[in-house]
Amino acid sequence: YADDITMAHKIEPGEEEIAACNLKNTLRRITGWGRKWQVTFTPPKTQLLVVTRTPLEFRLEFEGLKLTPREEVEVLGLTYDSKLTFRTHIQQLARAASRKLTSLRRISWLLDSRGRETLYRAQIRSTLEYSCLAWGGAVPTLLALIDKVQERAWRIITDGQPKHPSSLHNLQHRRDAA
């Protein structure tokens, strides 16, 4: 949508004032563009995320509304946090995939292992891999939450049989390949 914009700006140490000025000018230009093309923005929905290891202070306004930095923002279904740990995103991802896996387990008696695997790939693994290029470099302890979901899926797909070479590649391997 024309009114759904994500802006990013790199700020070098010591150039905070210049960056704030550039961002203010860009926000003014966006406002002007919106007036010209009759696009109405919703300033209260506008979010500001400052990704930094050190505290950074500057004031930004959008259409007269002061933008307050948040700890997390969601963009296209991906939750970014101010330290880029992706902790919240990965935890939510693991919970959502676990709920879907519960549904698969409930209907598993209706399908053979190939059908269960197909359903897993389409409905669950696709969720686990959504935008993994952004969050795939998270710490191993967080990524392990997602890997556990696939391990549980494997047990459902194979009716608890011992592991054998699988067409379900390790999720870390798939993230690395992506």
C-alpha atoms as a PDB file:
ATOM      1  CA  TYR A   1       0.000   0.000   0.000  1.00  0.00           C
ATOM      2  CA  ALA A   2       1.145   3.529  -0.663  1.00  0.00           C
ATOM      3  CA  ASP A   3       0.613   4.491   2.971  1.00  0.00           C
ATOM      4  CA  ASP A   4       2.600   1.517   4.313  1.00  0.00           C
ATOM      5  CA  ILE A   5       6.204   2.681   4.247  1.00  0.00           C
ATOM      6  CA  THR A   6       9.308   1.438   6.031  1.00  0.00           C
ATOM      7  CA  MET A   7      12.252   3.785   6.221  1.00  0.00           C
ATOM      8  CA  ALA A   8      15.761   2.885   7.319  1.00  0.00           C
ATOM      9  CA  HIS A   9      18.678   5.188   7.934  1.00  0.00           C
ATOM     10  CA  LYS A  10      22.200   4.380   9.052  1.00  0.00           C
ATOM     11  CA  ILE A  11      23.604   6.771  11.633  1.00  0.00           C
ATOM     12  CA  GLU A  12      27.351   7.028  12.039  1.00  0.00           C
ATOM     13  CA  PRO A  13      28.728   7.814  15.519  1.00  0.00           C
ATOM     14  CA  GLY A  14      28.908  11.571  16.015  1.00  0.00           C
ATOM     15  CA  GLU A  15      26.481  12.293  13.160  1.00  0.00           C
ATOM     16  CA  GLU A  16      23.260  12.028  15.143  1.00  0.00           C
ATOM     17  CA  GLU A  17      22.209  15.645  14.483  1.00  0.00           C
ATOM     18  CA  ILE A  18      22.823  15.349  10.739  1.00  0.00           C
ATOM     19  CA  ALA A  19      20.881  12.072  10.661  1.00  0.00           C
ATOM     20  CA  ALA A  20      17.983  13.583  12.598  1.00  0.00           C
ATOM     21  CA  CYS A  21      17.880  16.490  10.144  1.00  0.00           C
ATOM     22  CA  ASN A  22      17.912  14.092   7.169  1.00  0.00           C
ATOM     23  CA  LEU A  23      15.131  12.006   8.687  1.00  0.00           C
ATOM     24  CA  LYS A  24      13.027  15.103   9.421  1.00  0.00           C
ATOM     25  CA  ASN A  25      13.446  16.277   5.808  1.00  0.00           C
ATOM     26  CA  THR A  26      12.475  12.844   4.514  1.00  0.00           C
ATOM     27  CA  LEU A  27       9.359  12.781   6.706  1.00  0.00           C
ATOM     28  CA  ARG A  28       8.419  16.254   5.431  1.00  0.00           C
ATOM     29  CA  ARG A  29       8.837  15.069   1.834  1.00  0.00           C
ATOM     30  CA  ILE A  30       6.676  12.024   2.519  1.00  0.00           C
ATOM     31  CA  THR A  31       3.994  14.274   4.010  1.00  0.00           C
ATOM     32  CA  GLY A  32       4.170  16.538   0.961  1.00  0.00           C
ATOM     33  CA  TRP A  33       3.956  13.581  -1.383  1.00  0.00           C
ATOM     34  CA  GLY A  34       0.886  12.339   0.497  1.00  0.00           C
ATOM     35  CA  ARG A  35      -0.862  15.707   0.165  1.00  0.00           C
ATOM     36  CA  LYS A  36      -0.056  15.892  -3.549  1.00  0.00           C
ATOM     37  CA  TRP A  37      -1.368  12.387  -4.297  1.00  0.00           C
ATOM     38  CA  GLN A  38      -4.193  12.466  -1.718  1.00  0.00           C
ATOM     39  CA  VAL A  39      -2.724   9.685   0.381  1.00  0.00           C
ATOM     40  CA  THR A  40      -3.748   9.931   4.003  1.00  0.00           C
ATOM     41  CA  PHE A  41      -1.235   8.702   6.529  1.00  0.00           C
ATOM     42  CA  THR A  42      -2.121   7.702  10.089  1.00  0.00           C
ATOM     43  CA  PRO A  43       0.550   9.272  12.308  1.00  0.00           C
ATOM     44  CA  PRO A  44      -0.557   7.397  15.476  1.00  0.00           C
ATOM     45  CA  LYS A  45       0.274   4.125  13.695  1.00  0.00           C
ATOM     46  CA  THR A  46       3.756   5.356  12.799  1.00  0.00           C
ATOM     47  CA  GLN A  47       6.458   3.516  14.718  1.00  0.00           C
ATOM     48  CA  LEU A  48      10.068   4.377  15.400  1.00  0.00           C
ATOM     49  CA  LEU A  49      12.678   1.725  16.133  1.00  0.00           C
ATOM     50  CA  VAL A  50      16.224   2.760  16.931  1.00  0.00           C
ATOM     51  CA  VAL A  51      18.605  -0.170  16.566  1.00  0.00           C
ATOM     52  CA  THR A  52      21.696   0.540  18.622  1.00  0.00           C
ATOM     53  CA  ARG A  53      23.915  -0.792  21.368  1.00  0.00           C
ATOM     54  CA  THR A  54      24.214   2.627  22.977  1.00  0.00           C
ATOM     55  CA  PRO A  55      21.436   5.048  23.883  1.00  0.00           C
ATOM     56  CA  LEU A  56      20.646   7.491  21.106  1.00  0.00           C
ATOM     57  CA  GLU A  57      18.487  10.573  21.567  1.00  0.00           C
ATOM     58  CA  PHE A  58      16.838  12.619  18.867  1.00  0.00           C
ATOM     59  CA  ARG A  59      13.363  13.960  18.258  1.00  0.00           C
ATOM     60  CA  LEU A  60      11.277  13.149  15.236  1.00  0.00           C
ATOM     61  CA  GLU A  61       7.749  14.188  14.348  1.00  0.00           C
ATOM     62  CA  PHE A  62       5.422  12.965  11.636  1.00  0.00           C
ATOM     63  CA  GLU A  63       2.545  15.232  10.714  1.00  0.00           C
ATOM     64  CA  GLY A  64       2.845  16.993  14.066  1.00  0.00           C
ATOM     65  CA  LEU A  65       2.924  13.834  16.178  1.00  0.00           C
ATOM     66  CA  LYS A  66       6.068  13.121  18.204  1.00  0.00           C
ATOM     67  CA  LEU A  67       7.518   9.702  17.398  1.00  0.00           C
ATOM     68  CA  THR A  68       8.613   7.793  20.479  1.00  0.00           C
ATOM     69  CA  PRO A  69      11.127   4.986  20.009  1.00  0.00           C
ATOM     70  CA  ARG A  70       9.761   1.514  20.711  1.00  0.00           C
ATOM     71  CA  GLU A  71      11.514  -1.606  21.874  1.00  0.00           C
ATOM     72  CA  GLU A  72       9.893  -3.677  19.106  1.00  0.00           C
ATOM     73  CA  VAL A  73       8.072  -3.065  15.849  1.00  0.00           C
ATOM     74  CA  GLU A  74       6.395  -5.478  13.473  1.00  0.00           C
ATOM     75  CA  VAL A  75       6.998  -5.149   9.742  1.00  0.00           C
ATOM     76  CA  LEU A  76       5.330  -7.588   7.353  1.00  0.00           C
ATOM     77  CA  GLY A  77       4.894 -10.198  10.074  1.00  0.00           C
ATOM     78  CA  LEU A  78       8.461  -9.963  11.360  1.00  0.00           C
ATOM     79  CA  THR A  79       9.098  -8.505  14.824  1.00  0.00           C
ATOM     80  CA  TYR A  80      12.282  -6.458  15.021  1.00  0.00           C
ATOM     81  CA  ASP A  81      13.677  -5.408  18.387  1.00  0.00           C
ATOM     82  CA  SER A  82      16.092  -2.610  19.247  1.00  0.00           C
ATOM     83  CA  LYS A  83      19.007  -5.041  19.644  1.00  0.00           C
ATOM     84  CA  LEU A  84      18.103  -7.203  16.630  1.00  0.00           C
ATOM     85  CA  THR A  85      17.989 -10.362  18.735  1.00  0.00           C
ATOM     86  CA  PHE A  86      14.641 -11.449  17.174  1.00  0.00           C
ATOM     87  CA  ARG A  87      13.788 -13.095  20.512  1.00  0.00           C
ATOM     88  CA  THR A  88      10.104 -12.162  20.470  1.00  0.00           C
ATOM     89  CA  HIS A  89       9.725 -13.066  16.807  1.00  0.00           C
ATOM     90  CA  ILE A  90      11.284 -16.520  17.163  1.00  0.00           C
ATOM     91  CA  GLN A  91       9.334 -17.288  20.344  1.00  0.00           C
ATOM     92  CA  GLN A  92       6.066 -16.312  18.626  1.00  0.00           C
ATOM     93  CA  LEU A  93       7.064 -18.354  15.582  1.00  0.00           C
ATOM     94  CA  ALA A  94       7.741 -21.455  17.695  1.00  0.00           C
ATOM     95  CA  ARG A  95       4.399 -21.052  19.530  1.00  0.00           C
ATOM     96  CA  ALA A  96       2.425 -20.607  16.292  1.00  0.00           C
ATOM     97  CA  ALA A  97       4.140 -23.601  14.677  1.00  0.00           C
ATOM     98  CA  SER A  98       3.499 -25.704  17.798  1.00  0.00           C
ATOM     99  CA  ARG A  99      -0.214 -24.907  17.599  1.00  0.00           C
ATOM    100  CA  LYS A 100      -0.263 -25.972  13.941  1.00  0.00           C
ATOM    101  CA  LEU A 101       1.673 -29.101  14.846  1.00  0.00           C
ATOM    102  CA  THR A 102      -0.982 -29.949  17.435  1.00  0.00           C
ATOM    103  CA  SER A 103      -3.589 -29.795  14.678  1.00  0.00           C
ATOM    104  CA  LEU A 104      -1.466 -32.078  12.509  1.00  0.00           C
ATOM    105  CA  ARG A 105      -1.142 -34.547  15.372  1.00  0.00           C
ATOM    106  CA  ARG A 106      -4.926 -34.583  15.850  1.00  0.00           C
ATOM    107  CA  ILE A 107      -5.580 -35.541  12.239  1.00  0.00           C
ATOM    108  CA  SER A 108      -2.473 -37.689  11.737  1.00  0.00           C
ATOM    109  CA  TRP A 109      -4.481 -40.904  11.984  1.00  0.00           C
ATOM    110  CA  LEU A 110      -6.269 -39.904   8.759  1.00  0.00           C
ATOM    111  CA  LEU A 111      -3.053 -39.622   6.731  1.00  0.00           C
ATOM    112  CA  ASP A 112      -0.131 -41.832   5.849  1.00  0.00           C
ATOM    113  CA  SER A 113       3.400 -40.601   6.606  1.00  0.00           C
ATOM    114  CA  ARG A 114       3.748 -39.051   3.155  1.00  0.00           C
ATOM    115  CA  GLY A 115       0.533 -37.070   3.620  1.00  0.00           C
ATOM    116  CA  ARG A 116       1.620 -35.924   7.086  1.00  0.00           C
ATOM    117  CA  GLU A 117       4.985 -34.817   5.709  1.00  0.00           C
ATOM    118  CA  THR A 118       3.329 -32.920   2.853  1.00  0.00           C
ATOM    119  CA  LEU A 119       1.018 -31.161   5.276  1.00  0.00           C
ATOM    120  CA  TYR A 120       3.955 -30.344   7.566  1.00  0.00           C
ATOM    121  CA  ARG A 121       5.982 -28.874   4.693  1.00  0.00           C
ATOM    122  CA  ALA A 122       3.099 -26.772   3.405  1.00  0.00           C
ATOM    123  CA  GLN A 123       1.555 -25.522   6.625  1.00  0.00           C
ATOM    124  CA  ILE A 124       4.206 -25.645   9.335  1.00  0.00           C
ATOM    125  CA  ARG A 125       7.694 -25.599   7.874  1.00  0.00           C
ATOM    126  CA  SER A 126       6.756 -22.745   5.562  1.00  0.00           C
ATOM    127  CA  THR A 127       5.805 -20.769   8.693  1.00  0.00           C
ATOM    128  CA  LEU A 128       9.092 -21.672  10.391  1.00  0.00           C
ATOM    129  CA  GLU A 129      11.085 -20.440   7.413  1.00  0.00           C
ATOM    130  CA  TYR A 130       9.228 -17.200   6.690  1.00  0.00           C
ATOM    131  CA  SER A 131      11.809 -14.390   6.299  1.00  0.00           C
ATOM    132  CA  CYS A 132      14.578 -16.516   7.810  1.00  0.00           C
ATOM    133  CA  LEU A 133      17.153 -14.434   5.954  1.00  0.00           C
ATOM    134  CA  ALA A 134      16.391 -11.639   8.420  1.00  0.00           C
ATOM    135  CA  TRP A 135      16.427 -13.614  11.685  1.00  0.00           C
ATOM    136  CA  GLY A 136      18.449 -16.713  10.758  1.00  0.00           C
ATOM    137  CA  GLY A 137      21.581 -15.383  12.434  1.00  0.00           C
ATOM    138  CA  ALA A 138      19.959 -15.313  15.875  1.00  0.00           C
ATOM    139  CA  VAL A 139      21.665 -17.031  18.795  1.00  0.00           C
ATOM    140  CA  PRO A 140      21.584 -20.851  18.727  1.00  0.00           C
ATOM    141  CA  THR A 141      19.457 -21.101  21.887  1.00  0.00           C
ATOM    142  CA  LEU A 142      16.632 -19.249  20.120  1.00  0.00           C
ATOM    143  CA  LEU A 143      17.009 -21.194  16.892  1.00  0.00           C
ATOM    144  CA  ALA A 144      16.818 -24.400  18.943  1.00  0.00           C
ATOM    145  CA  LEU A 145      13.181 -23.522  19.776  1.00  0.00           C
ATOM    146  CA  ILE A 146      12.332 -23.828  16.097  1.00  0.00           C
ATOM    147  CA  ASP A 147      14.408 -26.957  15.600  1.00  0.00           C
ATOM    148  CA  LYS A 148      12.481 -28.650  18.431  1.00  0.00           C
ATOM    149  CA  VAL A 149       9.253 -28.089  16.515  1.00  0.00           C
ATOM    150  CA  GLN A 150      10.665 -29.975  13.527  1.00  0.00           C
ATOM    151  CA  GLU A 151      11.857 -32.797  15.790  1.00  0.00           C
ATOM    152  CA  ARG A 152       8.312 -33.133  17.156  1.00  0.00           C
ATOM    153  CA  ALA A 153       6.967 -33.032  13.608  1.00  0.00           C
ATOM    154  CA  TRP A 154       9.315 -35.856  12.610  1.00  0.00           C
ATOM    155  CA  ARG A 155       7.918 -38.033  15.407  1.00  0.00           C
ATOM    156  CA  ILE A 156       4.362 -37.341  14.208  1.00  0.00           C
ATOM    157  CA  ILE A 157       5.234 -37.961  10.554  1.00  0.00           C
ATOM    158  CA  THR A 158       6.964 -41.290  11.273  1.00  0.00           C
ATOM    159  CA  ASP A 159       4.566 -42.468  14.000  1.00  0.00           C
ATOM    160  CA  GLY A 160       7.436 -42.329  16.502  1.00  0.00           C
ATOM    161  CA  GLN A 161       9.658 -44.676  14.484  1.00  0.00           C
ATOM    162  CA  PRO A 162      13.416 -44.274  14.845  1.00  0.00           C
ATOM    163  CA  LYS A 163      15.008 -41.650  12.641  1.00  0.00           C
ATOM    164  CA  HIS A 164      16.271 -42.599   9.233  1.00  0.00           C
ATOM    165  CA  PRO A 165      17.648 -40.453   6.404  1.00  0.00           C
ATOM    166  CA  SER A 166      14.924 -37.935   5.788  1.00  0.00           C
ATOM    167  CA  SER A 167      13.768 -35.699   3.032  1.00  0.00           C
ATOM    168  CA  LEU A 168      13.231 -33.188   5.842  1.00  0.00           C
ATOM    169  CA  HIS A 169      16.550 -31.414   5.897  1.00  0.00           C
ATOM    170  CA  ASN A 170      17.773 -29.899   9.117  1.00  0.00           C
ATOM    171  CA  LEU A 171      16.288 -26.382   9.438  1.00  0.00           C
ATOM    172  CA  GLN A 172      19.734 -24.845  10.075  1.00  0.00           C
ATOM    173  CA  HIS A 173      20.940 -26.410   6.832  1.00  0.00           C
ATOM    174  CA  ARG A 174      17.952 -24.899   5.021  1.00  0.00           C
ATOM    175  CA  ARG A 175      18.602 -21.461   6.608  1.00  0.00           C
ATOM    176  CA  ASP A 176      22.265 -21.649   5.575  1.00  0.00           C
ATOM    177  CA  ALA A 177      21.302 -22.620   2.034  1.00  0.00           C
ATOM    178  CA  ALA A 178      18.825 -19.718   1.842  1.00  0.00           C
END
